[in-house]
Protein backbone atom coordinates (compact mmCIF):
# COMPACT_ATOMS: atom_id res chain seq x y z
CA MET A 1 0.00 0.00 0.00
CA GLN A 2 1.43 3.30 -1.09
CA PRO A 3 1.69 5.93 1.64
CA GLU A 4 -0.73 8.82 1.29
CA THR A 5 0.76 11.71 -0.59
CA VAL A 6 0.86 14.95 1.31
CA HIS A 7 0.46 17.95 -0.94
CA THR A 8 2.23 21.03 0.32
CA LYS A 9 1.78 24.60 -0.73
CA THR A 10 4.49 27.21 -0.58
CA ILE A 11 3.39 30.14 1.52
CA LYS A 12 4.99 33.42 0.61
CA ILE A 13 5.95 35.35 3.70
CA PRO A 14 5.91 39.07 3.04
CA ASP A 15 9.34 40.69 3.07
CA LYS A 16 8.00 43.48 5.21
CA LEU A 17 5.04 43.46 7.59
CA SER A 18 2.96 46.57 8.02
CA LEU A 19 3.19 48.65 11.19
CA GLU A 20 -0.19 47.28 12.33
CA ASP A 21 0.91 43.67 11.71
CA GLU A 22 4.16 44.16 13.62
CA ILE A 23 2.32 45.63 16.61
CA GLN A 24 -0.31 42.90 16.51
CA PHE A 25 2.42 40.22 16.44
CA THR A 26 4.31 41.88 19.30
CA LEU A 27 1.24 42.21 21.53
CA ASN A 28 0.09 38.67 20.80
CA SER A 29 3.57 37.39 21.70
CA LEU A 30 3.44 39.23 25.02
CA VAL A 31 -0.14 38.24 25.90
CA THR A 32 0.33 34.54 25.05
CA SER A 33 3.42 34.37 27.27
CA TYR A 34 0.96 34.36 30.20
CA ARG A 35 -1.08 31.27 31.04
CA ASP A 36 -4.14 33.43 31.55
CA SER A 37 -4.41 35.85 28.64
CA LYS A 38 -6.89 38.10 30.44
CA LYS A 39 -4.54 38.43 33.39
CA GLY A 40 -1.65 38.97 30.98
CA LEU A 41 -3.53 41.80 29.32
CA ARG A 42 -4.12 43.48 32.69
CA VAL A 43 -0.44 43.13 33.64
CA LEU A 44 0.74 44.51 30.29
CA SER A 45 -1.72 47.38 30.49
CA LYS A 46 -0.27 48.40 33.85
CA LYS A 47 3.35 47.95 32.74
CA MET A 48 2.89 49.90 29.53
CA GLY A 49 0.56 52.57 30.83
CA ILE A 50 -1.91 51.76 28.04
CA GLY A 51 -5.60 51.03 28.64
CA GLU A 52 -6.76 47.43 28.17
CA LYS A 53 -9.36 48.50 25.61
CA THR A 54 -6.68 50.23 23.58
CA LEU A 55 -4.51 47.10 23.62
CA ILE A 56 -7.45 44.99 22.47
CA ARG A 57 -8.15 47.40 19.61
CA LEU A 58 -4.51 47.20 18.54
CA ILE A 59 -4.51 43.41 18.68
CA ASN A 60 -7.72 43.32 16.63
CA GLN A 61 -6.35 46.05 14.34
CA THR A 62 -9.41 48.22 14.90
CA GLY A 63 -7.36 51.15 16.20
CA LYS A 64 -4.19 53.01 15.23
CA PRO A 65 -1.53 53.92 17.82
CA ASN A 66 0.29 57.22 18.14
CA TYR A 67 4.07 57.26 18.42
CA GLN A 68 3.97 57.42 22.24
CA THR A 69 1.88 54.24 22.41
CA VAL A 70 4.29 52.44 20.07
CA PHE A 71 7.25 53.37 22.26
CA LYS A 72 5.38 52.12 25.35
CA ILE A 73 4.75 48.74 23.74
CA TYR A 74 8.32 48.15 22.65
CA ARG A 75 9.91 49.40 25.87
CA VAL A 76 8.15 46.58 27.67
CA PHE A 77 8.72 44.07 24.83
CA PHE A 78 12.49 44.62 24.89
CA ASN A 79 12.67 45.58 28.59
CA GLU A 80 14.57 48.66 27.46
CA TYR A 81 13.63 52.15 28.61
CA ASN A 82 16.13 54.22 26.66
CA ASP A 83 14.26 55.22 23.51
CA SER A 84 17.35 55.71 21.38
CA ARG A 85 18.18 52.04 22.00
CA VAL A 86 14.55 50.98 21.54
CA LEU A 87 14.66 52.63 18.12
CA ASN A 88 17.57 50.39 17.13
CA LEU A 89 15.78 47.22 18.29
CA VAL A 90 12.33 47.62 16.71
CA PRO A 91 11.43 46.14 13.29
CA ALA A 92 11.95 48.34 10.22
CA PRO A 93 8.30 49.44 9.74
CA VAL A 94 8.09 50.46 13.40
CA ARG A 95 11.41 52.31 13.21
CA GLU A 96 10.31 54.20 10.09
CA TYR A 97 7.05 55.22 11.79
CA LEU A 98 8.76 56.40 14.98
CA ILE A 99 11.39 58.42 13.13
CA LYS A 100 8.65 60.10 11.10
CA ARG A 101 6.19 60.76 13.92
CA ASN A 102 8.30 61.32 17.03
CA PRO A 103 8.90 65.08 17.45
CA GLN A 104 11.61 64.66 20.09
CA GLU A 105 15.32 64.14 19.55
CA LEU A 106 16.31 60.93 21.32
CA SER A 107 19.32 60.84 23.60
CA SER A 108 21.31 57.84 24.77
CA ASN A 109 21.55 59.58 28.16
CA GLN A 110 17.81 59.60 28.85
CA ASN A 111 15.52 56.90 30.17
CA TYR A 112 11.73 57.08 29.95
CA ASN A 113 9.62 55.28 32.55
CA LEU A 114 6.17 55.33 34.08
CA ASP A 115 7.58 55.87 37.58
CA SER A 116 8.54 59.42 36.58
CA ASP A 117 5.05 60.04 35.19
CA ILE A 118 3.43 58.88 38.42
CA ILE A 119 5.66 61.20 40.47
CA LEU A 120 4.64 64.21 38.34
CA GLN A 121 0.97 63.22 38.45
CA ASN A 122 0.97 62.85 42.24
CA ASN A 123 2.75 66.09 43.15
CA SER A 124 1.92 69.35 41.42
CA VAL A 125 4.98 71.14 42.82
CA VAL A 126 7.31 68.43 41.48
CA ALA A 127 5.56 68.74 38.13
CA GLU A 128 6.03 72.51 38.06
CA ILE A 129 9.70 72.32 39.10
CA TYR A 130 10.32 69.72 36.41
CA ILE A 131 8.67 71.80 33.69
CA ILE A 132 10.58 74.93 34.78
CA ALA A 133 13.85 72.97 34.63
CA SER A 134 12.94 71.68 31.17
CA THR A 135 12.81 75.27 29.85
CA GLY A 136 16.35 76.06 31.00
CA PRO A 137 18.64 75.90 34.04
CA VAL A 138 16.96 76.97 37.28
CA HIS A 139 18.68 78.15 40.48
CA LEU A 140 17.79 76.79 43.91
CA ASP A 141 17.14 80.35 45.15
CA ASP A 142 14.37 80.74 42.55
CA ILE A 143 12.83 77.43 43.58
CA GLU A 144 12.94 78.46 47.25
CA TYR A 145 11.38 81.84 46.44
CA ARG A 146 8.45 80.19 44.63
CA PHE A 147 7.93 77.02 46.68
CA GLY A 148 9.66 77.65 50.01
CA GLN A 149 11.34 74.93 52.07
CA ASN A 150 9.04 72.35 50.48
CA GLY A 151 10.60 73.14 47.11
CA ILE A 152 14.14 72.65 48.44
CA GLU A 153 13.21 69.28 49.94
CA LEU A 154 11.52 68.19 46.71
CA VAL A 155 14.62 69.13 44.70
CA SER A 156 16.67 66.72 46.86
CA SER A 157 14.13 63.97 46.19
CA MET A 158 14.08 64.73 42.46
CA LEU A 159 17.88 64.54 42.34
CA GLU A 160 17.79 61.12 44.01
CA LYS A 161 15.24 59.92 41.46
CA LYS A 162 17.31 61.46 38.64
CA LEU A 163 14.44 63.68 37.56
CA LEU A 164 16.83 66.61 37.99
CA ASN A 165 20.53 67.00 37.33
CA GLU A 166 22.79 69.51 39.12
CA ILE A 167 24.97 71.12 36.43
CA HIS A 168 26.55 73.74 38.73
CA LYS A 169 26.33 74.46 42.43
CA ASP A 170 22.56 74.83 43.13
CA VAL A 171 21.72 75.03 39.40
CA PHE A 172 19.54 72.32 37.90
CA THR A 173 18.22 70.99 34.60
CA ILE A 174 16.15 67.90 33.87
CA GLY A 175 17.85 64.60 34.66
CA LYS A 176 18.41 61.19 33.12
CA ASN A 177 15.03 59.73 34.09
CA GLN A 178 12.22 61.39 32.19
CA PRO A 179 8.44 60.86 32.15
CA LEU A 180 6.74 59.28 29.15
CA PHE A 181 4.23 62.14 29.11
CA ASP A 182 1.29 59.89 28.33
CA GLY A 183 -2.21 61.35 28.14
CA HIS A 184 -2.72 61.22 31.92
CA THR A 185 0.53 63.06 32.59
CA ILE A 186 -0.10 65.68 29.91
CA VAL A 187 -3.54 66.49 31.34
CA SER A 188 -2.29 66.47 34.94
CA VAL A 189 0.74 68.68 34.22
CA GLY A 190 -1.32 70.90 31.92
CA LYS A 191 -3.88 71.55 34.66
CA THR A 192 -1.07 72.28 37.13
CA LEU A 193 0.55 74.85 34.84
CA ILE A 194 -2.80 76.46 33.98
CA THR A 195 -3.68 76.79 37.66
CA SER A 196 -0.30 78.18 38.71
CA GLN A 197 0.89 80.09 35.64
CA ALA A 198 -2.07 81.13 33.45
CA LYS A 199 -2.65 84.91 33.45
CA PRO A 200 -6.15 85.57 32.01
CA GLU A 201 -5.72 89.33 32.28
CA ASN A 202 -2.84 89.18 29.77
CA GLY A 203 -5.13 87.78 27.11
CA GLU A 204 -6.73 91.19 26.57
CA SER A 205 -3.70 92.49 24.67
CA LEU A 206 -1.77 90.78 21.88
CA GLY A 207 1.75 89.47 22.40
CA ASN A 208 1.39 88.28 25.99
CA ASN A 209 -0.43 84.95 25.74
CA PHE A 210 -3.14 83.15 23.83
CA ILE A 211 -6.31 81.90 25.52
CA SER A 212 -9.27 80.54 23.60
CA PHE A 213 -12.23 78.21 23.98
CA TYR A 214 -14.90 76.97 21.59
CA ALA A 215 -17.43 74.12 21.67
CA GLU A 216 -19.79 72.93 18.94
CA GLY A 217 -21.59 69.85 17.64
CA LEU A 218 -19.59 68.45 14.70
CA ASP A 219 -19.81 65.65 12.19
CA GLU A 220 -17.06 63.01 12.17
CA LEU A 221 -15.15 64.51 9.25
CA THR A 222 -15.01 68.00 10.77
CA TYR A 223 -13.96 66.67 14.17
CA ASN A 224 -11.05 64.84 12.55
CA GLN A 225 -10.14 68.04 10.70
CA TRP A 226 -9.98 69.80 14.06
CA LEU A 227 -7.58 67.12 15.32
CA ALA A 228 -5.43 67.43 12.22
CA ILE A 229 -5.19 71.21 12.68
CA ASP A 230 -4.06 70.70 16.29
CA ARG A 231 -1.39 68.21 15.24
CA ARG A 232 -0.03 70.58 12.60
CA ALA A 233 -0.02 73.52 15.00
CA PHE A 234 1.83 71.55 17.67
CA GLN A 235 4.38 70.27 15.16
CA GLU A 236 5.00 73.81 13.87
CA LYS A 237 5.53 75.07 17.42
CA TYR A 238 7.96 72.25 18.13
CA GLU A 239 9.92 72.81 14.91
CA LEU A 240 10.60 76.41 15.97
CA THR A 241 12.32 75.15 19.13
CA ARG A 242 14.75 72.99 17.14
CA ASP A 243 16.56 76.07 15.85
CA GLN A 244 19.00 77.25 18.52
CA LYS A 245 18.70 80.89 17.45
CA ASN A 246 15.02 80.83 18.52
CA LEU A 247 15.79 79.84 22.11
CA GLY A 248 15.98 82.42 24.87
CA LYS A 249 15.22 83.28 28.49
CA ARG A 250 11.44 83.66 28.14
CA ARG A 251 10.10 80.44 29.68
CA ALA A 252 6.83 79.36 28.06
CA PHE A 253 4.48 76.40 27.80
CA THR A 254 1.71 75.36 25.42
CA PHE A 255 -1.05 72.96 26.42
CA MET A 256 -3.43 71.77 23.72
CA ILE A 257 -6.46 69.52 23.95
CA THR A 258 -9.43 68.86 21.69
CA GLU A 259 -11.84 66.31 23.14
CA THR A 260 -15.34 64.95 22.68
CA ILE A 261 -17.99 65.71 25.33
CA GLN A 262 -19.66 62.72 26.97
CA ILE A 263 -23.28 63.27 28.06
CA GLN A 264 -24.67 59.75 27.76
CA ARG A 265 -23.83 56.57 29.60
CA PRO A 266 -21.31 54.49 27.66
CA ASP A 267 -22.63 51.24 26.18
């Protein structure tokens, strides 16, 4: 009796997966490494700082990540929290996306981790000191003047956690450990800076600040056009800061948010 013939078919593996396929493969690899996939999803969500629903949408390819989300996924996947090294480890489609979308210059001397985000979210004074230091060197006397003894004590703690770096005696800039600035941190720090630094009275004359607010019912296309305008505006602002001749002593911040209004119970 002749053995049964097994017919095989050559499967062509694509030379290059899409960004969505790479992320789906990466997340599936991480989730299936846990015996209980639901528990694994919860653990990964906490480690990455990404909501479970967002992870599910990415696995099912029903959602598209921003560059920050992609970095969060691959930091955990490679257990590497220096983004310049993460960029060298990720697959080609992911690397191309991150180079194109990431507005920040990556440094081999900087680590990004959720611990730093949590510190900024939990202490508004720490958040404000960190943002001030990110706009240029700040002297301890100025911190004491604004925040008192509490500020001095927090500087010591921030130095220990490497959120700050002492470049001269009592002069500080941001340190090696930096926050991811996920959505929660952006909103938290934005509210802190608005509460402590916004000057509504300056908005009555041009050249001092810009304050605006508008709400309306929109169709889906127009809402997405709003979002696109915000992205372009932010990118243009950032590009100005990349030219050294534009930098100076006037410390400034910009906080942008366009969001839908929820008035009904979610399904």
